[in-house]
Structure formats: structure tokens, C-alpha cells
Amino acid sequence: MTLKLFLNYTLSFLMWLVIGRAILSIFVKDPKNPIFGIFFIATEPIYKLGRKIFPIAPTIFIIIFILILRILIVKYL
């Protein structure tokens, strides 16, 4: 497996995790829910990085950032 393919799959997985957390946050209001907890633990480092780049940005900016990063890696690496 090449580095380009590995990074593409990793960023794709992270993007779907963030999308899953966004969808769960609409429907699940209890933060003690175990499924929401798994998504929260897995995506919180991504959200922290996204909050440093976009301080008051909603989740859609984080998803767009990951998608653009993924496209740039696939195109130029």
C-alpha cells in the first residue's frame, strides 16, 4: 500500500467519522449515550485541530477542510 492510498483512506475514514458525529448530534441529545461517546472520543482531536484553524466554525467547515485536504493529497502526492 502506498502512502498516497493510506492517507486517502485515513482521511476518508476521518471525514465519515465527523459526518457521523454531526448526524448523531442532531438526533442524540444524551452525551452519555455509548455510541455518541465512541464518536466523540474518535473525533475530538479532529475538532480541536479544526477549532484552532476555524475558531467559531460549525462542523461543515471541518468536513470541507478534510475533504479539500484529501483532494490535495490525492492530486499532488
PDB file of N, CA and C in Angstrom:
ATOM      1  N   MET A   1       0.846  -1.175   0.000  1.00  0.00           N
ATOM      2  CA  MET A   1       0.000   0.000   0.000  1.00  0.00           C
ATOM      3  C   MET A   1       0.890   1.237   0.000  1.00  0.00           C
ATOM      4  N   THR A   2       0.603   2.130  -0.871  1.00  0.00           N
ATOM      5  CA  THR A   2       1.409   3.334  -0.971  1.00  0.00           C
ATOM      6  C   THR A   2       0.959   4.367   0.072  1.00  0.00           C
ATOM      7  N   LEU A   3       1.810   5.336   0.279  1.00  0.00           N
ATOM      8  CA  LEU A   3       1.500   6.401   1.237  1.00  0.00           C
ATOM      9  C   LEU A   3       0.281   7.200   0.792  1.00  0.00           C
ATOM     10  N   LYS A   4       0.183   7.446  -0.503  1.00  0.00           N
ATOM     11  CA  LYS A   4      -0.944   8.199  -1.039  1.00  0.00           C
ATOM     12  C   LYS A   4      -2.259   7.493  -0.763  1.00  0.00           C
ATOM     13  N   LEU A   5      -2.301   6.197  -0.985  1.00  0.00           N
ATOM     14  CA  LEU A   5      -3.513   5.419  -0.753  1.00  0.00           C
ATOM     15  C   LEU A   5      -3.847   5.351   0.735  1.00  0.00           C
ATOM     16  N   PHE A   6      -2.823   5.181   1.558  1.00  0.00           N
ATOM     17  CA  PHE A   6      -3.030   5.134   3.000  1.00  0.00           C
ATOM     18  C   PHE A   6      -3.609   6.450   3.521  1.00  0.00           C
ATOM     19  N   LEU A   7      -3.040   7.570   3.088  1.00  0.00           N
ATOM     20  CA  LEU A   7      -3.543   8.871   3.523  1.00  0.00           C
ATOM     21  C   LEU A   7      -4.960   9.122   3.011  1.00  0.00           C
ATOM     22  N   ASN A   8      -5.235   8.688   1.794  1.00  0.00           N
ATOM     23  CA  ASN A   8      -6.573   8.849   1.240  1.00  0.00           C
ATOM     24  C   ASN A   8      -7.599   8.082   2.071  1.00  0.00           C
ATOM     25  N   TYR A   9      -7.318   6.835   2.388  1.00  0.00           N
ATOM     26  CA  TYR A   9      -8.247   6.039   3.189  1.00  0.00           C
ATOM     27  C   TYR A   9      -8.385   6.584   4.612  1.00  0.00           C
ATOM     28  N   THR A  10      -7.286   7.029   5.196  1.00  0.00           N
ATOM     29  CA  THR A  10      -7.339   7.575   6.551  1.00  0.00           C
ATOM     30  C   THR A  10      -8.177   8.843   6.605  1.00  0.00           C
ATOM     31  N   LEU A  11      -7.955   9.753   5.670  1.00  0.00           N
ATOM     32  CA  LEU A  11      -8.737  10.987   5.646  1.00  0.00           C
ATOM     33  C   LEU A  11     -10.200  10.713   5.314  1.00  0.00           C
ATOM     34  N   SER A  12     -10.444   9.728   4.470  1.00  0.00           N
ATOM     35  CA  SER A  12     -11.828   9.352   4.165  1.00  0.00           C
ATOM     36  C   SER A  12     -12.521   8.824   5.416  1.00  0.00           C
ATOM     37  N   PHE A  13     -11.829   7.982   6.166  1.00  0.00           N
ATOM     38  CA  PHE A  13     -12.386   7.439   7.402  1.00  0.00           C
ATOM     39  C   PHE A  13     -12.671   8.547   8.411  1.00  0.00           C
ATOM     40  N   LEU A  14     -11.736   9.472   8.555  1.00  0.00           N
ATOM     41  CA  LEU A  14     -11.928  10.588   9.480  1.00  0.00           C
ATOM     42  C   LEU A  14     -13.087  11.476   9.046  1.00  0.00           C
ATOM     43  N   MET A  15     -13.220  11.687   7.741  1.00  0.00           N
ATOM     44  CA  MET A  15     -14.316  12.508   7.244  1.00  0.00           C
ATOM     45  C   MET A  15     -15.661  11.863   7.575  1.00  0.00           C
ATOM     46  N   TRP A  16     -15.776  10.550   7.382  1.00  0.00           N
ATOM     47  CA  TRP A  16     -17.036   9.871   7.689  1.00  0.00           C
ATOM     48  C   TRP A  16     -17.305   9.825   9.185  1.00  0.00           C
ATOM     49  N   LEU A  17     -16.254   9.780  10.005  1.00  0.00           N
ATOM     50  CA  LEU A  17     -16.454   9.866  11.449  1.00  0.00           C
ATOM     51  C   LEU A  17     -17.037  11.222  11.843  1.00  0.00           C
ATOM     52  N   VAL A  18     -16.505  12.292  11.256  1.00  0.00           N
ATOM     53  CA  VAL A  18     -17.011  13.632  11.560  1.00  0.00           C
ATOM     54  C   VAL A  18     -18.448  13.781  11.073  1.00  0.00           C
ATOM     55  N   ILE A  19     -18.750  13.256   9.897  1.00  0.00           N
ATOM     56  CA  ILE A  19     -20.122  13.301   9.396  1.00  0.00           C
ATOM     57  C   ILE A  19     -21.047  12.500  10.311  1.00  0.00           C
ATOM     58  N   GLY A  20     -20.588  11.342  10.768  1.00  0.00           N
ATOM     59  CA  GLY A  20     -21.385  10.538  11.692  1.00  0.00           C
ATOM     60  C   GLY A  20     -21.637  11.263  13.002  1.00  0.00           C
ATOM     61  N   ARG A  21     -20.620  11.941  13.513  1.00  0.00           N
ATOM     62  CA  ARG A  21     -20.812  12.700  14.757  1.00  0.00           C
ATOM     63  C   ARG A  21     -21.796  13.843  14.552  1.00  0.00           C
ATOM     64  N   ALA A  22     -21.728  14.497  13.406  1.00  0.00           N
ATOM     65  CA  ALA A  22     -22.653  15.594  13.131  1.00  0.00           C
ATOM     66  C   ALA A  22     -24.089  15.081  13.053  1.00  0.00           C
ATOM     67  N   ILE A  23     -24.292  13.956  12.403  1.00  0.00           N
ATOM     68  CA  ILE A  23     -25.637  13.382  12.298  1.00  0.00           C
ATOM     69  C   ILE A  23     -26.132  12.913  13.668  1.00  0.00           C
ATOM     70  N   LEU A  24     -25.261  12.276  14.433  1.00  0.00           N
ATOM     71  CA  LEU A  24     -25.656  11.832  15.769  1.00  0.00           C
ATOM     72  C   LEU A  24     -25.978  13.005  16.685  1.00  0.00           C
ATOM     73  N   SER A  25     -25.272  14.105  16.532  1.00  0.00           N
ATOM     74  CA  SER A  25     -25.539  15.249  17.405  1.00  0.00           C
ATOM     75  C   SER A  25     -26.915  15.849  17.137  1.00  0.00           C
ATOM     76  N   ILE A  26     -27.455  15.611  15.959  1.00  0.00           N
ATOM     77  CA  ILE A  26     -28.808  16.086  15.662  1.00  0.00           C
ATOM     78  C   ILE A  26     -29.838  15.234  16.395  1.00  0.00           C
ATOM     79  N   PHE A  27     -29.640  13.928  16.412  1.00  0.00           N
ATOM     80  CA  PHE A  27     -30.652  13.017  16.938  1.00  0.00           C
ATOM     81  C   PHE A  27     -30.441  12.620  18.396  1.00  0.00           C
ATOM     82  N   VAL A  28     -29.207  12.546  18.842  1.00  0.00           N
ATOM     83  CA  VAL A  28     -28.919  12.094  20.201  1.00  0.00           C
ATOM     84  C   VAL A  28     -28.631  13.308  21.070  1.00  0.00           C
ATOM     85  N   LYS A  29     -29.453  13.490  22.080  1.00  0.00           N
ATOM     86  CA  LYS A  29     -29.272  14.639  22.974  1.00  0.00           C
ATOM     87  C   LYS A  29     -28.581  14.258  24.282  1.00  0.00           C
ATOM     88  N   ASP A  30     -28.408  12.964  24.523  1.00  0.00           N
ATOM     89  CA  ASP A  30     -27.784  12.500  25.752  1.00  0.00           C
ATOM     90  C   ASP A  30     -26.301  12.224  25.497  1.00  0.00           C
ATOM     91  N   PRO A  31     -25.390  13.016  26.070  1.00  0.00           N
ATOM     92  CA  PRO A  31     -23.967  12.777  25.838  1.00  0.00           C
ATOM     93  C   PRO A  31     -23.447  11.495  26.486  1.00  0.00           C
ATOM     94  N   LYS A  32     -24.239  10.863  27.337  1.00  0.00           N
ATOM     95  CA  LYS A  32     -23.824   9.615  27.975  1.00  0.00           C
ATOM     96  C   LYS A  32     -24.137   8.393  27.115  1.00  0.00           C
ATOM     97  N   ASN A  33     -24.733   8.610  25.947  1.00  0.00           N
ATOM     98  CA  ASN A  33     -25.022   7.533  25.025  1.00  0.00           C
ATOM     99  C   ASN A  33     -23.700   6.898  24.579  1.00  0.00           C
ATOM    100  N   PRO A  34     -23.561   5.561  24.661  1.00  0.00           N
ATOM    101  CA  PRO A  34     -22.271   4.936  24.336  1.00  0.00           C
ATOM    102  C   PRO A  34     -21.854   5.107  22.872  1.00  0.00           C
ATOM    103  N   ILE A  35     -22.791   5.095  21.955  1.00  0.00           N
ATOM    104  CA  ILE A  35     -22.429   5.266  20.548  1.00  0.00           C
ATOM    105  C   ILE A  35     -21.929   6.691  20.308  1.00  0.00           C
ATOM    106  N   PHE A  36     -22.620   7.655  20.888  1.00  0.00           N
ATOM    107  CA  PHE A  36     -22.170   9.038  20.758  1.00  0.00           C
ATOM    108  C   PHE A  36     -20.808   9.215  21.433  1.00  0.00           C
ATOM    109  N   GLY A  37     -20.589   8.522  22.536  1.00  0.00           N
ATOM    110  CA  GLY A  37     -19.305   8.588  23.233  1.00  0.00           C
ATOM    111  C   GLY A  37     -18.156   8.086  22.381  1.00  0.00           C
ATOM    112  N   ILE A  38     -18.392   7.020  21.630  1.00  0.00           N
ATOM    113  CA  ILE A  38     -17.358   6.483  20.744  1.00  0.00           C
ATOM    114  C   ILE A  38     -17.020   7.495  19.655  1.00  0.00           C
ATOM    115  N   PHE A  39     -18.062   8.070  19.042  1.00  0.00           N
ATOM    116  CA  PHE A  39     -17.824   9.078  18.008  1.00  0.00           C
ATOM    117  C   PHE A  39     -17.142  10.308  18.597  1.00  0.00           C
ATOM    118  N   PHE A  40     -17.531  10.693  19.809  1.00  0.00           N
ATOM    119  CA  PHE A  40     -16.939  11.861  20.454  1.00  0.00           C
ATOM    120  C   PHE A  40     -15.455  11.644  20.714  1.00  0.00           C
ATOM    121  N   ILE A  41     -15.104  10.489  21.265  1.00  0.00           N
ATOM    122  CA  ILE A  41     -13.698  10.196  21.564  1.00  0.00           C
ATOM    123  C   ILE A  41     -12.869  10.119  20.284  1.00  0.00           C
ATOM    124  N   ALA A  42     -13.441   9.530  19.228  1.00  0.00           N
ATOM    125  CA  ALA A  42     -12.690   9.364  17.982  1.00  0.00           C
ATOM    126  C   ALA A  42     -12.516  10.668  17.219  1.00  0.00           C
ATOM    127  N   THR A  43     -13.454  11.587  17.351  1.00  0.00           N
ATOM    128  CA  THR A  43     -13.393  12.811  16.542  1.00  0.00           C
ATOM    129  C   THR A  43     -12.949  14.053  17.301  1.00  0.00           C
ATOM    130  N   GLU A  44     -12.832  13.984  18.595  1.00  0.00           N
ATOM    131  CA  GLU A  44     -12.468  15.184  19.357  1.00  0.00           C
ATOM    132  C   GLU A  44     -11.094  15.744  18.962  1.00  0.00           C
ATOM    133  N   PRO A  45     -10.053  14.920  18.700  1.00  0.00           N
ATOM    134  CA  PRO A  45      -8.784  15.520  18.230  1.00  0.00           C
ATOM    135  C   PRO A  45      -8.936  16.275  16.910  1.00  0.00           C
ATOM    136  N   ILE A  46      -9.800  15.790  16.032  1.00  0.00           N
ATOM    137  CA  ILE A  46     -10.039  16.472  14.763  1.00  0.00           C
ATOM    138  C   ILE A  46     -10.741  17.801  15.019  1.00  0.00           C
ATOM    139  N   TYR A  47     -11.703  17.780  15.927  1.00  0.00           N
ATOM    140  CA  TYR A  47     -12.432  19.013  16.252  1.00  0.00           C
ATOM    141  C   TYR A  47     -11.508  20.027  16.922  1.00  0.00           C
ATOM    142  N   LYS A  48     -10.595  19.571  17.779  1.00  0.00           N
ATOM    143  CA  LYS A  48      -9.658  20.507  18.418  1.00  0.00           C
ATOM    144  C   LYS A  48      -8.779  21.185  17.376  1.00  0.00           C
ATOM    145  N   LEU A  49      -8.290  20.404  16.414  1.00  0.00           N
ATOM    146  CA  LEU A  49      -7.482  20.978  15.340  1.00  0.00           C
ATOM    147  C   LEU A  49      -8.318  21.928  14.498  1.00  0.00           C
ATOM    148  N   GLY A  50      -9.540  21.532  14.194  1.00  0.00           N
ATOM    149  CA  GLY A  50     -10.428  22.385  13.411  1.00  0.00           C
ATOM    150  C   GLY A  50     -10.779  23.672  14.126  1.00  0.00           C
ATOM    151  N   ARG A  51     -10.926  23.605  15.448  1.00  0.00           N
ATOM    152  CA  ARG A  51     -11.240  24.814  16.217  1.00  0.00           C
ATOM    153  C   ARG A  51     -10.055  25.773  16.280  1.00  0.00           C
ATOM    154  N   LYS A  52      -8.829  25.226  16.180  1.00  0.00           N
ATOM    155  CA  LYS A  52      -7.662  26.109  16.140  1.00  0.00           C
ATOM    156  C   LYS A  52      -7.598  26.841  14.806  1.00  0.00           C
ATOM    157  N   ILE A  53      -7.972  26.153  13.732  1.00  0.00           N
ATOM    158  CA  ILE A  53      -7.927  26.763  12.406  1.00  0.00           C
ATOM    159  C   ILE A  53      -9.130  27.671  12.183  1.00  0.00           C
ATOM    160  N   PHE A  54     -10.324  27.180  12.525  1.00  0.00           N
ATOM    161  CA  PHE A  54     -11.575  27.934  12.386  1.00  0.00           C
ATOM    162  C   PHE A  54     -12.201  28.079  13.769  1.00  0.00           C
ATOM    163  N   PRO A  55     -11.912  29.132  14.520  1.00  0.00           N
ATOM    164  CA  PRO A  55     -12.345  29.220  15.922  1.00  0.00           C
ATOM    165  C   PRO A  55     -13.852  29.127  16.155  1.00  0.00           C
ATOM    166  N   ILE A  56     -14.656  29.710  15.293  1.00  0.00           N
ATOM    167  CA  ILE A  56     -16.098  29.684  15.533  1.00  0.00           C
ATOM    168  C   ILE A  56     -16.831  28.972  14.398  1.00  0.00           C
ATOM    169  N   ALA A  57     -16.177  28.011  13.797  1.00  0.00           N
ATOM    170  CA  ALA A  57     -16.740  27.333  12.630  1.00  0.00           C
ATOM    171  C   ALA A  57     -17.631  26.161  13.039  1.00  0.00           C
ATOM    172  N   PRO A  58     -18.705  25.955  12.302  1.00  0.00           N
ATOM    173  CA  PRO A  58     -19.513  24.754  12.541  1.00  0.00           C
ATOM    174  C   PRO A  58     -18.835  23.531  11.927  1.00  0.00           C
ATOM    175  N   THR A  59     -19.454  22.394  12.120  1.00  0.00           N
ATOM    176  CA  THR A  59     -18.892  21.126  11.664  1.00  0.00           C
ATOM    177  C   THR A  59     -18.686  21.090  10.160  1.00  0.00           C
ATOM    178  N   ILE A  60     -19.508  21.769   9.408  1.00  0.00           N
ATOM    179  CA  ILE A  60     -19.392  21.721   7.950  1.00  0.00           C
ATOM    180  C   ILE A  60     -18.036  22.242   7.482  1.00  0.00           C
ATOM    181  N   PHE A  61     -17.465  23.226   8.170  1.00  0.00           N
ATOM    182  CA  PHE A  61     -16.148  23.716   7.791  1.00  0.00           C
ATOM    183  C   PHE A  61     -15.073  22.663   8.034  1.00  0.00           C
ATOM    184  N   ILE A  62     -15.215  21.904   9.086  1.00  0.00           N
ATOM    185  CA  ILE A  62     -14.254  20.843   9.372  1.00  0.00           C
ATOM    186  C   ILE A  62     -14.352  19.757   8.310  1.00  0.00           C
ATOM    187  N   ILE A  63     -15.566  19.403   7.909  1.00  0.00           N
ATOM    188  CA  ILE A  63     -15.753  18.399   6.860  1.00  0.00           C
ATOM    189  C   ILE A  63     -15.169  18.896   5.543  1.00  0.00           C
ATOM    190  N   ILE A  64     -15.430  20.148   5.204  1.00  0.00           N
ATOM    191  CA  ILE A  64     -14.893  20.710   3.964  1.00  0.00           C
ATOM    192  C   ILE A  64     -13.368  20.757   4.004  1.00  0.00           C
ATOM    193  N   PHE A  65     -12.798  21.102   5.149  1.00  0.00           N
ATOM    194  CA  PHE A  65     -11.346  21.137   5.302  1.00  0.00           C
ATOM    195  C   PHE A  65     -10.742  19.752   5.074  1.00  0.00           C
ATOM    196  N   ILE A  66     -11.335  18.729   5.666  1.00  0.00           N
ATOM    197  CA  ILE A  66     -10.832  17.368   5.481  1.00  0.00           C
ATOM    198  C   ILE A  66     -10.975  16.941   4.021  1.00  0.00           C
ATOM    199  N   LEU A  67     -12.090  17.278   3.402  1.00  0.00           N
ATOM    200  CA  LEU A  67     -12.311  16.925   2.001  1.00  0.00           C
ATOM    201  C   LEU A  67     -11.297  17.611   1.091  1.00  0.00           C
ATOM    202  N   ILE A  68     -11.035  18.879   1.301  1.00  0.00           N
ATOM    203  CA  ILE A  68     -10.044  19.592   0.491  1.00  0.00           C
ATOM    204  C   ILE A  68      -8.651  19.018   0.705  1.00  0.00           C
ATOM    205  N   LEU A  69      -8.309  18.727   1.950  1.00  0.00           N
ATOM    206  CA  LEU A  69      -7.020  18.111   2.255  1.00  0.00           C
ATOM    207  C   LEU A  69      -6.879  16.769   1.550  1.00  0.00           C
ATOM    208  N   ARG A  70      -7.958  15.995   1.547  1.00  0.00           N
ATOM    209  CA  ARG A  70      -7.955  14.690   0.877  1.00  0.00           C
ATOM    210  C   ARG A  70      -7.754  14.851  -0.633  1.00  0.00           C
ATOM    211  N   ILE A  71      -8.443  15.794  -1.237  1.00  0.00           N
ATOM    212  CA  ILE A  71      -8.307  16.025  -2.682  1.00  0.00           C
ATOM    213  C   ILE A  71      -6.886  16.472  -3.016  1.00  0.00           C
ATOM    214  N   LEU A  72      -6.316  17.362  -2.213  1.00  0.00           N
ATOM    215  CA  LEU A  72      -4.954  17.822  -2.471  1.00  0.00           C
ATOM    216  C   LEU A  72      -3.941  16.696  -2.346  1.00  0.00           C
ATOM    217  N   ILE A  73      -4.122  15.833  -1.364  1.00  0.00           N
ATOM    218  CA  ILE A  73      -3.196  14.713  -1.196  1.00  0.00           C
ATOM    219  C   ILE A  73      -3.289  13.752  -2.369  1.00  0.00           C
ATOM    220  N   VAL A  74      -4.487  13.438  -2.790  1.00  0.00           N
ATOM    221  CA  VAL A  74      -4.648  12.508  -3.904  1.00  0.00           C
ATOM    222  C   VAL A  74      -4.113  13.117  -5.199  1.00  0.00           C
ATOM    223  N   LYS A  75      -4.305  14.399  -5.389  1.00  0.00           N
ATOM    224  CA  LYS A  75      -3.905  15.030  -6.635  1.00  0.00           C
ATOM    225  C   LYS A  75      -2.396  15.269  -6.709  1.00  0.00           C
ATOM    226  N   TYR A  76      -1.781  15.718  -5.623  1.00  0.00           N
ATOM    227  CA  TYR A  76      -0.393  16.149  -5.684  1.00  0.00           C
ATOM    228  C   TYR A  76       0.618  15.225  -5.025  1.00  0.00           C
ATOM    229  N   LEU A  77       0.205  14.149  -4.437  1.00  0.00           N
ATOM    230  CA  LEU A  77       1.168  13.265  -3.790  1.00  0.00           C
ATOM    231  C   LEU A  77       1.475  12.078  -4.648  1.00  0.00           C
TER     232      LEU A  77
END
